[in-house]
Amino acid sequence: MAANPDPSAQQTPEPEVVVAIENGVAHVTMNRPAQYNALSEAMLDALQGELERLAVNPAVRVVVLRGAGKAFCAGHDLREMRAQPTAEYYKWLFARCAKMMLTVQSMPQPVIAGVHAIATAAGCQLVAMCDLAVASDAAKFAVSGVNLGLFCSTPSVALSRNVGRKQAFEMLVTGKFIDAHEAQVQGLVNRVVPADQLDAELERLAALIVAKPQTAIAMGKELFYRQLEMGIDAAYQLAGETMACNMMDDAAQEGVLAFIEKRKPNW
């Protein structure tokens, strides 16, 4: 008679999201490679939880977001969506996704997308919502829902705030892919490097930010996005208030004094 299987020998399911923190940088990896890191309910929950935890971790200065396997992120999990075809479910799902996207923008640390391969639909939206993006020259981007009869409405919010209106609209109504270099020209990504240099370039960019005072970066990020949604008068008022508060910070006082004394600041 065969022995009963040892429960401890059963494989533990792989986590949806893997996080590693090193030298002030949190490396967050979407970990559904077989599903091209599609944003399932479980993936959205995992990302939301990890981002919220990182946001309040003072040891984390920068977040780098990656995707495991052959894609950065292929958007929503269409099989999961098709299984519950009700307006109530879809509204709930897209609200849940929007909350996660807004968390990327509202957390105090800069978030860098490291895009090694395709980013489509809500995956392209996620790249646009990150504060910065570095892509390998093998990466491709699309908001391709229209090819399935579904205009990428929620991705359009992030896309239209990062690239020119006509370029964004063309992507949305044609569903066409653009390569990494075109994405850089249009403003969707900051830098494009050969695939074998992506990790090193992400490290270099993250290190530049980690070297700056944490309070200044956090205050600056909040101000940057708030003023974009304001009229110019209100934007200048908020910016002035932010700079005044920033100047009262010890790091700013030290930075100004170091400049006057022609030395490196002691942060």
C-alpha atoms as a PDB file:
ATOM      1  CA  MET A   1       0.000   0.000   0.000  1.00  0.00           C
ATOM      2  CA  ALA A   2       1.326   3.418  -0.943  1.00  0.00           C
ATOM      3  CA  ALA A   3       2.209   5.743   1.901  1.00  0.00           C
ATOM      4  CA  ASN A   4       0.096   8.808   2.508  1.00  0.00           C
ATOM      5  CA  PRO A   5       1.665  11.857   0.900  1.00  0.00           C
ATOM      6  CA  ASP A   6       3.562  14.098   3.256  1.00  0.00           C
ATOM      7  CA  PRO A   7       1.690  17.456   3.417  1.00  0.00           C
ATOM      8  CA  SER A   8       4.967  19.234   4.049  1.00  0.00           C
ATOM      9  CA  ALA A   9       6.241  17.910   0.712  1.00  0.00           C
ATOM     10  CA  GLN A  10       3.466  19.642  -1.215  1.00  0.00           C
ATOM     11  CA  GLN A  11       4.610  22.669  -3.155  1.00  0.00           C
ATOM     12  CA  THR A  12       3.796  26.078  -1.719  1.00  0.00           C
ATOM     13  CA  PRO A  13       2.087  28.320  -4.287  1.00  0.00           C
ATOM     14  CA  GLU A  14       4.327  30.997  -5.711  1.00  0.00           C
ATOM     15  CA  PRO A  15       3.498  34.467  -4.378  1.00  0.00           C
ATOM     16  CA  GLU A  16       1.763  36.848  -6.801  1.00  0.00           C
ATOM     17  CA  VAL A  17       4.286  39.552  -5.954  1.00  0.00           C
ATOM     18  CA  VAL A  18       7.869  39.168  -4.754  1.00  0.00           C
ATOM     19  CA  VAL A  19       9.571  41.987  -2.821  1.00  0.00           C
ATOM     20  CA  ALA A  20      13.259  42.381  -1.984  1.00  0.00           C
ATOM     21  CA  ILE A  21      14.705  45.466  -0.269  1.00  0.00           C
ATOM     22  CA  GLU A  22      18.365  46.381  -0.636  1.00  0.00           C
ATOM     23  CA  ASN A  23      20.251  49.653  -0.141  1.00  0.00           C
ATOM     24  CA  GLY A  24      17.054  51.650   0.196  1.00  0.00           C
ATOM     25  CA  VAL A  25      15.526  50.228  -2.987  1.00  0.00           C
ATOM     26  CA  ALA A  26      12.470  47.950  -2.919  1.00  0.00           C
ATOM     27  CA  HIS A  27      12.423  45.615  -5.902  1.00  0.00           C
ATOM     28  CA  VAL A  28       8.800  44.612  -6.529  1.00  0.00           C
ATOM     29  CA  THR A  29       8.266  41.844  -9.077  1.00  0.00           C
ATOM     30  CA  MET A  30       4.895  40.804 -10.481  1.00  0.00           C
ATOM     31  CA  ASN A  31       5.147  37.036 -10.435  1.00  0.00           C
ATOM     32  CA  ARG A  32       2.611  35.394 -12.754  1.00  0.00           C
ATOM     33  CA  PRO A  33       4.944  34.638 -15.656  1.00  0.00           C
ATOM     34  CA  ALA A  34       2.727  31.937 -17.172  1.00  0.00           C
ATOM     35  CA  GLN A  35      -0.109  34.474 -17.381  1.00  0.00           C
ATOM     36  CA  TYR A  36       2.158  37.318 -18.559  1.00  0.00           C
ATOM     37  CA  ASN A  37       1.643  38.974 -15.151  1.00  0.00           C
ATOM     38  CA  ALA A  38      -1.988  39.727 -15.901  1.00  0.00           C
ATOM     39  CA  LEU A  39      -3.684  41.831 -13.225  1.00  0.00           C
ATOM     40  CA  SER A  40      -5.962  39.248 -11.666  1.00  0.00           C
ATOM     41  CA  GLU A  41      -7.893  40.039  -8.499  1.00  0.00           C
ATOM     42  CA  ALA A  42      -5.173  38.280  -6.511  1.00  0.00           C
ATOM     43  CA  MET A  43      -2.435  40.241  -8.273  1.00  0.00           C
ATOM     44  CA  LEU A  44      -4.215  43.558  -7.622  1.00  0.00           C
ATOM     45  CA  ASP A  45      -4.636  42.628  -3.954  1.00  0.00           C
ATOM     46  CA  ALA A  46      -0.992  41.634  -3.639  1.00  0.00           C
ATOM     47  CA  LEU A  47       0.277  44.797  -5.317  1.00  0.00           C
ATOM     48  CA  GLN A  48      -2.023  46.973  -3.215  1.00  0.00           C
ATOM     49  CA  GLY A  49      -0.858  45.386   0.015  1.00  0.00           C
ATOM     50  CA  GLU A  50       2.836  45.510  -0.832  1.00  0.00           C
ATOM     51  CA  LEU A  51       2.715  49.116  -2.049  1.00  0.00           C
ATOM     52  CA  GLU A  52       0.876  50.236   1.078  1.00  0.00           C
ATOM     53  CA  ARG A  53       3.466  48.533   3.276  1.00  0.00           C
ATOM     54  CA  LEU A  54       6.366  50.020   1.355  1.00  0.00           C
ATOM     55  CA  ALA A  55       4.833  53.502   1.447  1.00  0.00           C
ATOM     56  CA  VAL A  56       5.182  53.655   5.240  1.00  0.00           C
ATOM     57  CA  ASN A  57       8.575  51.950   5.425  1.00  0.00           C
ATOM     58  CA  PRO A  58      11.184  54.647   6.159  1.00  0.00           C
ATOM     59  CA  ALA A  59      13.967  52.337   4.980  1.00  0.00           C
ATOM     60  CA  VAL A  60      12.551  52.358   1.436  1.00  0.00           C
ATOM     61  CA  ARG A  61      13.655  55.325  -0.660  1.00  0.00           C
ATOM     62  CA  VAL A  62      12.809  54.078  -4.170  1.00  0.00           C
ATOM     63  CA  VAL A  63      10.559  51.355  -5.572  1.00  0.00           C
ATOM     64  CA  VAL A  64      11.451  49.475  -8.769  1.00  0.00           C
ATOM     65  CA  LEU A  65       8.549  47.595 -10.363  1.00  0.00           C
ATOM     66  CA  ARG A  66       9.287  44.663 -12.697  1.00  0.00           C
ATOM     67  CA  GLY A  67       7.543  41.726 -14.283  1.00  0.00           C
ATOM     68  CA  ALA A  68       8.744  38.104 -14.226  1.00  0.00           C
ATOM     69  CA  GLY A  69       8.960  36.007 -17.350  1.00  0.00           C
ATOM     70  CA  LYS A  70       8.289  37.056 -20.934  1.00  0.00           C
ATOM     71  CA  ALA A  71       6.172  40.155 -20.232  1.00  0.00           C
ATOM     72  CA  PHE A  72       6.101  43.178 -17.980  1.00  0.00           C
ATOM     73  CA  CYS A  73       2.299  43.025 -17.722  1.00  0.00           C
ATOM     74  CA  ALA A  74      -0.369  42.067 -20.246  1.00  0.00           C
ATOM     75  CA  GLY A  75      -3.196  43.997 -18.581  1.00  0.00           C
ATOM     76  CA  HIS A  76      -6.268  42.599 -16.899  1.00  0.00           C
ATOM     77  CA  ASP A  77      -6.936  38.876 -16.606  1.00  0.00           C
ATOM     78  CA  LEU A  78      -9.493  38.470 -19.400  1.00  0.00           C
ATOM     79  CA  ARG A  79     -10.460  34.915 -18.429  1.00  0.00           C
ATOM     80  CA  GLU A  80     -11.292  36.088 -14.932  1.00  0.00           C
ATOM     81  CA  MET A  81     -13.241  39.055 -16.298  1.00  0.00           C
ATOM     82  CA  ARG A  82     -15.217  36.897 -18.720  1.00  0.00           C
ATOM     83  CA  ALA A  83     -16.271  34.563 -15.892  1.00  0.00           C
ATOM     84  CA  GLN A  84     -18.329  37.305 -14.188  1.00  0.00           C
ATOM     85  CA  PRO A  85     -20.051  39.296 -16.941  1.00  0.00           C
ATOM     86  CA  THR A  86     -21.976  41.851 -14.871  1.00  0.00           C
ATOM     87  CA  ALA A  87     -21.691  45.632 -14.854  1.00  0.00           C
ATOM     88  CA  GLU A  88     -21.468  45.624 -11.066  1.00  0.00           C
ATOM     89  CA  TYR A  89     -18.456  43.319 -11.106  1.00  0.00           C
ATOM     90  CA  TYR A  90     -16.676  45.265 -13.819  1.00  0.00           C
ATOM     91  CA  LYS A  91     -17.196  48.599 -12.013  1.00  0.00           C
ATOM     92  CA  TRP A  92     -15.873  47.043  -8.821  1.00  0.00           C
ATOM     93  CA  LEU A  93     -12.863  45.554 -10.617  1.00  0.00           C
ATOM     94  CA  PHE A  94     -11.866  48.758 -12.387  1.00  0.00           C
ATOM     95  CA  ALA A  95     -12.292  50.764  -9.182  1.00  0.00           C
ATOM     96  CA  ARG A  96     -10.008  48.272  -7.454  1.00  0.00           C
ATOM     97  CA  CYS A  97      -7.434  48.649 -10.206  1.00  0.00           C
ATOM     98  CA  ALA A  98      -7.674  52.443 -10.098  1.00  0.00           C
ATOM     99  CA  LYS A  99      -6.999  52.387  -6.359  1.00  0.00           C
ATOM    100  CA  MET A 100      -3.799  50.437  -6.918  1.00  0.00           C
ATOM    101  CA  MET A 101      -2.711  52.753  -9.752  1.00  0.00           C
ATOM    102  CA  LEU A 102      -3.326  55.827  -7.600  1.00  0.00           C
ATOM    103  CA  THR A 103      -1.353  54.253  -4.753  1.00  0.00           C
ATOM    104  CA  VAL A 104       1.681  54.155  -7.050  1.00  0.00           C
ATOM    105  CA  GLN A 105       1.330  57.896  -7.537  1.00  0.00           C
ATOM    106  CA  SER A 106       0.436  58.834  -3.963  1.00  0.00           C
ATOM    107  CA  MET A 107       3.169  56.909  -2.127  1.00  0.00           C
ATOM    108  CA  PRO A 108       6.070  59.149  -1.067  1.00  0.00           C
ATOM    109  CA  GLN A 109       8.790  57.145  -2.797  1.00  0.00           C
ATOM    110  CA  PRO A 110       9.464  57.486  -6.525  1.00  0.00           C
ATOM    111  CA  VAL A 111       8.366  54.360  -8.394  1.00  0.00           C
ATOM    112  CA  ILE A 112      10.396  53.274 -11.423  1.00  0.00           C
ATOM    113  CA  ALA A 113       8.984  50.814 -13.947  1.00  0.00           C
ATOM    114  CA  GLY A 114      11.640  48.466 -15.300  1.00  0.00           C
ATOM    115  CA  VAL A 115      10.125  47.237 -18.575  1.00  0.00           C
ATOM    116  CA  HIS A 116      11.918  44.374 -20.247  1.00  0.00           C
ATOM    117  CA  ALA A 117       9.193  43.188 -22.623  1.00  0.00           C
ATOM    118  CA  ILE A 118       5.575  43.889 -23.585  1.00  0.00           C
ATOM    119  CA  ALA A 119       3.317  46.146 -21.545  1.00  0.00           C
ATOM    120  CA  THR A 120      -0.218  46.163 -22.879  1.00  0.00           C
ATOM    121  CA  ALA A 121      -3.569  47.662 -21.848  1.00  0.00           C
ATOM    122  CA  ALA A 122      -3.580  48.038 -18.036  1.00  0.00           C
ATOM    123  CA  GLY A 123       0.079  46.984 -18.133  1.00  0.00           C
ATOM    124  CA  CYS A 124       0.859  50.027 -20.270  1.00  0.00           C
ATOM    125  CA  GLN A 125      -1.300  52.039 -17.868  1.00  0.00           C
ATOM    126  CA  LEU A 126       0.872  50.833 -14.994  1.00  0.00           C
ATOM    127  CA  VAL A 127       4.029  52.013 -16.777  1.00  0.00           C
ATOM    128  CA  ALA A 128       2.418  55.421 -17.330  1.00  0.00           C
ATOM    129  CA  MET A 129       1.383  55.670 -13.663  1.00  0.00           C
ATOM    130  CA  CYS A 130       4.926  55.021 -12.437  1.00  0.00           C
ATOM    131  CA  ASP A 131       6.919  58.177 -11.800  1.00  0.00           C
ATOM    132  CA  LEU A 132       9.761  57.039 -14.033  1.00  0.00           C
ATOM    133  CA  ALA A 133      10.300  54.240 -16.525  1.00  0.00           C
ATOM    134  CA  VAL A 134      13.342  52.543 -17.989  1.00  0.00           C
ATOM    135  CA  ALA A 135      12.806  50.153 -20.880  1.00  0.00           C
ATOM    136  CA  SER A 136      14.955  47.624 -22.645  1.00  0.00           C
ATOM    137  CA  ASP A 137      15.159  48.010 -26.404  1.00  0.00           C
ATOM    138  CA  ALA A 138      13.093  44.821 -26.653  1.00  0.00           C
ATOM    139  CA  ALA A 139      10.077  46.332 -24.866  1.00  0.00           C
ATOM    140  CA  LYS A 140       6.837  47.129 -26.669  1.00  0.00           C
ATOM    141  CA  PHE A 141       3.780  49.057 -25.541  1.00  0.00           C
ATOM    142  CA  ALA A 142       0.121  49.118 -26.557  1.00  0.00           C
ATOM    143  CA  VAL A 143      -3.338  49.941 -25.281  1.00  0.00           C
ATOM    144  CA  SER A 144      -4.868  47.257 -27.431  1.00  0.00           C
ATOM    145  CA  GLY A 145      -8.279  46.686 -25.889  1.00  0.00           C
ATOM    146  CA  VAL A 146      -9.956  48.227 -28.935  1.00  0.00           C
ATOM    147  CA  ASN A 147      -8.836  45.159 -30.920  1.00  0.00           C
ATOM    148  CA  LEU A 148     -11.233  43.168 -28.697  1.00  0.00           C
ATOM    149  CA  GLY A 149     -14.016  45.750 -28.911  1.00  0.00           C
ATOM    150  CA  LEU A 150     -13.081  47.319 -25.569  1.00  0.00           C
ATOM    151  CA  PHE A 151     -11.720  50.873 -25.618  1.00  0.00           C
ATOM    152  CA  CYS A 152      -8.954  51.173 -22.998  1.00  0.00           C
ATOM    153  CA  SER A 153     -10.758  53.881 -21.029  1.00  0.00           C
ATOM    154  CA  THR A 154      -8.940  53.542 -17.716  1.00  0.00           C
ATOM    155  CA  PRO A 155      -5.499  53.257 -19.354  1.00  0.00           C
ATOM    156  CA  SER A 156      -6.350  56.403 -21.328  1.00  0.00           C
ATOM    157  CA  VAL A 157      -6.320  58.432 -18.095  1.00  0.00           C
ATOM    158  CA  ALA A 158      -2.665  57.647 -17.404  1.00  0.00           C
ATOM    159  CA  LEU A 159      -1.598  57.589 -21.056  1.00  0.00           C
ATOM    160  CA  SER A 160      -3.052  61.012 -21.868  1.00  0.00           C
ATOM    161  CA  ARG A 161      -1.204  62.504 -18.894  1.00  0.00           C
ATOM    162  CA  ASN A 162       2.149  61.218 -20.137  1.00  0.00           C
ATOM    163  CA  VAL A 163       2.188  61.491 -23.924  1.00  0.00           C
ATOM    164  CA  GLY A 164       0.764  63.981 -26.395  1.00  0.00           C
ATOM    165  CA  ARG A 165      -2.987  63.876 -26.921  1.00  0.00           C
ATOM    166  CA  LYS A 166      -2.876  62.916 -30.569  1.00  0.00           C
ATOM    167  CA  GLN A 167      -0.278  60.212 -29.977  1.00  0.00           C
ATOM    168  CA  ALA A 168      -2.292  58.835 -27.051  1.00  0.00           C
ATOM    169  CA  PHE A 169      -5.530  58.847 -29.023  1.00  0.00           C
ATOM    170  CA  GLU A 170      -3.907  57.128 -31.980  1.00  0.00           C
ATOM    171  CA  MET A 171      -2.658  54.341 -29.728  1.00  0.00           C
ATOM    172  CA  LEU A 172      -6.113  54.012 -28.144  1.00  0.00           C
ATOM    173  CA  VAL A 173      -8.139  53.864 -31.369  1.00  0.00           C
ATOM    174  CA  THR A 174      -5.737  51.704 -33.382  1.00  0.00           C
ATOM    175  CA  GLY A 175      -4.460  49.350 -30.690  1.00  0.00           C
ATOM    176  CA  LYS A 176      -1.058  49.444 -32.399  1.00  0.00           C
ATOM    177  CA  PHE A 177       2.192  48.616 -30.650  1.00  0.00           C
ATOM    178  CA  ILE A 178       4.999  51.126 -30.339  1.00  0.00           C
ATOM    179  CA  ASP A 179       8.585  50.121 -29.643  1.00  0.00           C
ATOM    180  CA  ALA A 180      10.713  51.363 -26.770  1.00  0.00           C
ATOM    181  CA  HIS A 181      12.406  54.116 -28.748  1.00  0.00           C
ATOM    182  CA  GLU A 182       9.089  55.535 -29.923  1.00  0.00           C
ATOM    183  CA  ALA A 183       7.803  55.290 -26.352  1.00  0.00           C
ATOM    184  CA  GLN A 184      10.774  57.377 -25.237  1.00  0.00           C
ATOM    185  CA  VAL A 185      10.164  59.997 -27.933  1.00  0.00           C
ATOM    186  CA  GLN A 186       6.506  60.219 -26.912  1.00  0.00           C
ATOM    187  CA  GLY A 187       7.354  60.549 -23.209  1.00  0.00           C
ATOM    188  CA  LEU A 188       6.068  57.221 -21.943  1.00  0.00           C
ATOM    189  CA  VAL A 189       9.529  56.104 -20.774  1.00  0.00           C
ATOM    190  CA  ASN A 190      12.604  58.051 -19.655  1.00  0.00           C
ATOM    191  CA  ARG A 191      15.419  55.833 -20.864  1.00  0.00           C
ATOM    192  CA  VAL A 192      15.960  52.964 -23.305  1.00  0.00           C
ATOM    193  CA  VAL A 193      18.921  50.622 -22.963  1.00  0.00           C
ATOM    194  CA  PRO A 194      20.017  47.261 -24.402  1.00  0.00           C
ATOM    195  CA  ALA A 195      18.298  44.381 -22.648  1.00  0.00           C
ATOM    196  CA  ASP A 196      21.486  43.221 -20.929  1.00  0.00           C
ATOM    197  CA  GLN A 197      21.961  46.697 -19.411  1.00  0.00           C
ATOM    198  CA  LEU A 198      18.465  47.166 -17.980  1.00  0.00           C
ATOM    199  CA  ASP A 199      19.322  46.038 -14.442  1.00  0.00           C
ATOM    200  CA  ALA A 200      22.396  48.254 -14.278  1.00  0.00           C
ATOM    201  CA  GLU A 201      20.514  51.287 -15.597  1.00  0.00           C
ATOM    202  CA  LEU A 202      17.749  50.807 -13.037  1.00  0.00           C
ATOM    203  CA  GLU A 203      20.375  50.610 -10.295  1.00  0.00           C
ATOM    204  CA  ARG A 204      22.030  53.811 -11.521  1.00  0.00           C
ATOM    205  CA  LEU A 205      18.771  55.755 -11.625  1.00  0.00           C
ATOM    206  CA  ALA A 206      17.627  54.470  -8.228  1.00  0.00           C
ATOM    207  CA  ALA A 207      21.008  55.328  -6.684  1.00  0.00           C
ATOM    208  CA  LEU A 208      20.762  58.924  -7.938  1.00  0.00           C
ATOM    209  CA  ILE A 209      17.456  59.306  -6.106  1.00  0.00           C
ATOM    210  CA  VAL A 210      18.544  57.499  -2.933  1.00  0.00           C
ATOM    211  CA  ALA A 211      21.432  59.961  -2.668  1.00  0.00           C
ATOM    212  CA  LYS A 212      18.996  62.888  -2.309  1.00  0.00           C
ATOM    213  CA  PRO A 213      17.248  63.938   0.933  1.00  0.00           C
ATOM    214  CA  GLN A 214      14.199  61.769   1.573  1.00  0.00           C
ATOM    215  CA  THR A 215      11.939  64.598   2.744  1.00  0.00           C
ATOM    216  CA  ALA A 216      12.638  66.738  -0.312  1.00  0.00           C
ATOM    217  CA  ILE A 217      11.837  63.863  -2.671  1.00  0.00           C
ATOM    218  CA  ALA A 218       8.593  63.006  -0.852  1.00  0.00           C
ATOM    219  CA  MET A 219       7.404  66.612  -0.695  1.00  0.00           C
ATOM    220  CA  GLY A 220       8.400  67.180  -4.290  1.00  0.00           C
ATOM    221  CA  LYS A 221       6.554  64.131  -5.582  1.00  0.00           C
ATOM    222  CA  GLU A 222       3.332  65.115  -3.824  1.00  0.00           C
ATOM    223  CA  LEU A 223       3.576  68.690  -5.103  1.00  0.00           C
ATOM    224  CA  PHE A 224       4.382  67.574  -8.653  1.00  0.00           C
ATOM    225  CA  TYR A 225       1.148  65.639  -9.115  1.00  0.00           C
ATOM    226  CA  ARG A 226      -1.123  67.981  -7.157  1.00  0.00           C
ATOM    227  CA  GLN A 227      -0.109  71.078  -9.104  1.00  0.00           C
ATOM    228  CA  LEU A 228      -0.627  69.351 -12.454  1.00  0.00           C
ATOM    229  CA  GLU A 229      -4.372  69.218 -11.782  1.00  0.00           C
ATOM    230  CA  MET A 230      -4.592  72.904 -10.769  1.00  0.00           C
ATOM    231  CA  GLY A 231      -4.809  76.233 -12.525  1.00  0.00           C
ATOM    232  CA  ILE A 232      -1.515  78.088 -12.733  1.00  0.00           C
ATOM    233  CA  ASP A 233      -2.282  80.554  -9.917  1.00  0.00           C
ATOM    234  CA  ALA A 234      -3.207  77.802  -7.464  1.00  0.00           C
ATOM    235  CA  ALA A 235      -0.241  75.738  -8.631  1.00  0.00           C
ATOM    236  CA  TYR A 236       2.198  78.542  -7.857  1.00  0.00           C
ATOM    237  CA  GLN A 237       0.604  79.113  -4.460  1.00  0.00           C
ATOM    238  CA  LEU A 238       0.923  75.447  -3.550  1.00  0.00           C
ATOM    239  CA  ALA A 239       4.478  75.297  -4.914  1.00  0.00           C
ATOM    240  CA  GLY A 240       5.504  78.303  -2.828  1.00  0.00           C
ATOM    241  CA  GLU A 241       4.024  76.802   0.319  1.00  0.00           C
ATOM    242  CA  THR A 242       5.798  73.529  -0.391  1.00  0.00           C
ATOM    243  CA  MET A 243       9.155  75.207  -0.942  1.00  0.00           C
ATOM    244  CA  ALA A 244       8.779  77.188   2.269  1.00  0.00           C
ATOM    245  CA  CYS A 245       8.079  74.010   4.239  1.00  0.00           C
ATOM    246  CA  ASN A 246      10.937  72.236   2.466  1.00  0.00           C
ATOM    247  CA  MET A 247      13.355  75.062   3.362  1.00  0.00           C
ATOM    248  CA  MET A 248      12.565  74.531   7.051  1.00  0.00           C
ATOM    249  CA  ASP A 249      13.808  70.939   6.813  1.00  0.00           C
ATOM    250  CA  ASP A 250      17.263  70.297   8.291  1.00  0.00           C
ATOM    251  CA  ALA A 251      18.473  68.682   5.065  1.00  0.00           C
ATOM    252  CA  ALA A 252      17.621  71.779   3.022  1.00  0.00           C
ATOM    253  CA  GLN A 253      19.291  74.081   5.533  1.00  0.00           C
ATOM    254  CA  GLU A 254      22.420  71.921   5.427  1.00  0.00           C
ATOM    255  CA  GLY A 255      22.317  71.751   1.627  1.00  0.00           C
ATOM    256  CA  VAL A 256      22.146  75.526   1.252  1.00  0.00           C
ATOM    257  CA  LEU A 257      24.912  76.063   3.805  1.00  0.00           C
ATOM    258  CA  ALA A 258      27.112  73.488   2.053  1.00  0.00           C
ATOM    259  CA  PHE A 259      26.590  75.306  -1.255  1.00  0.00           C
ATOM    260  CA  ILE A 260      27.579  78.614   0.326  1.00  0.00           C
ATOM    261  CA  GLU A 261      30.636  77.033   1.941  1.00  0.00           C
ATOM    262  CA  LYS A 262      31.548  75.214  -1.290  1.00  0.00           C
ATOM    263  CA  ARG A 263      31.507  71.708   0.213  1.00  0.00           C
ATOM    264  CA  LYS A 264      29.456  68.557  -0.080  1.00  0.00           C
ATOM    265  CA  PRO A 265      26.328  68.473   2.130  1.00  0.00           C
ATOM    266  CA  ASN A 266      26.439  66.239   5.183  1.00  0.00           C
ATOM    267  CA  TRP A 267      23.074  64.444   4.928  1.00  0.00           C
END
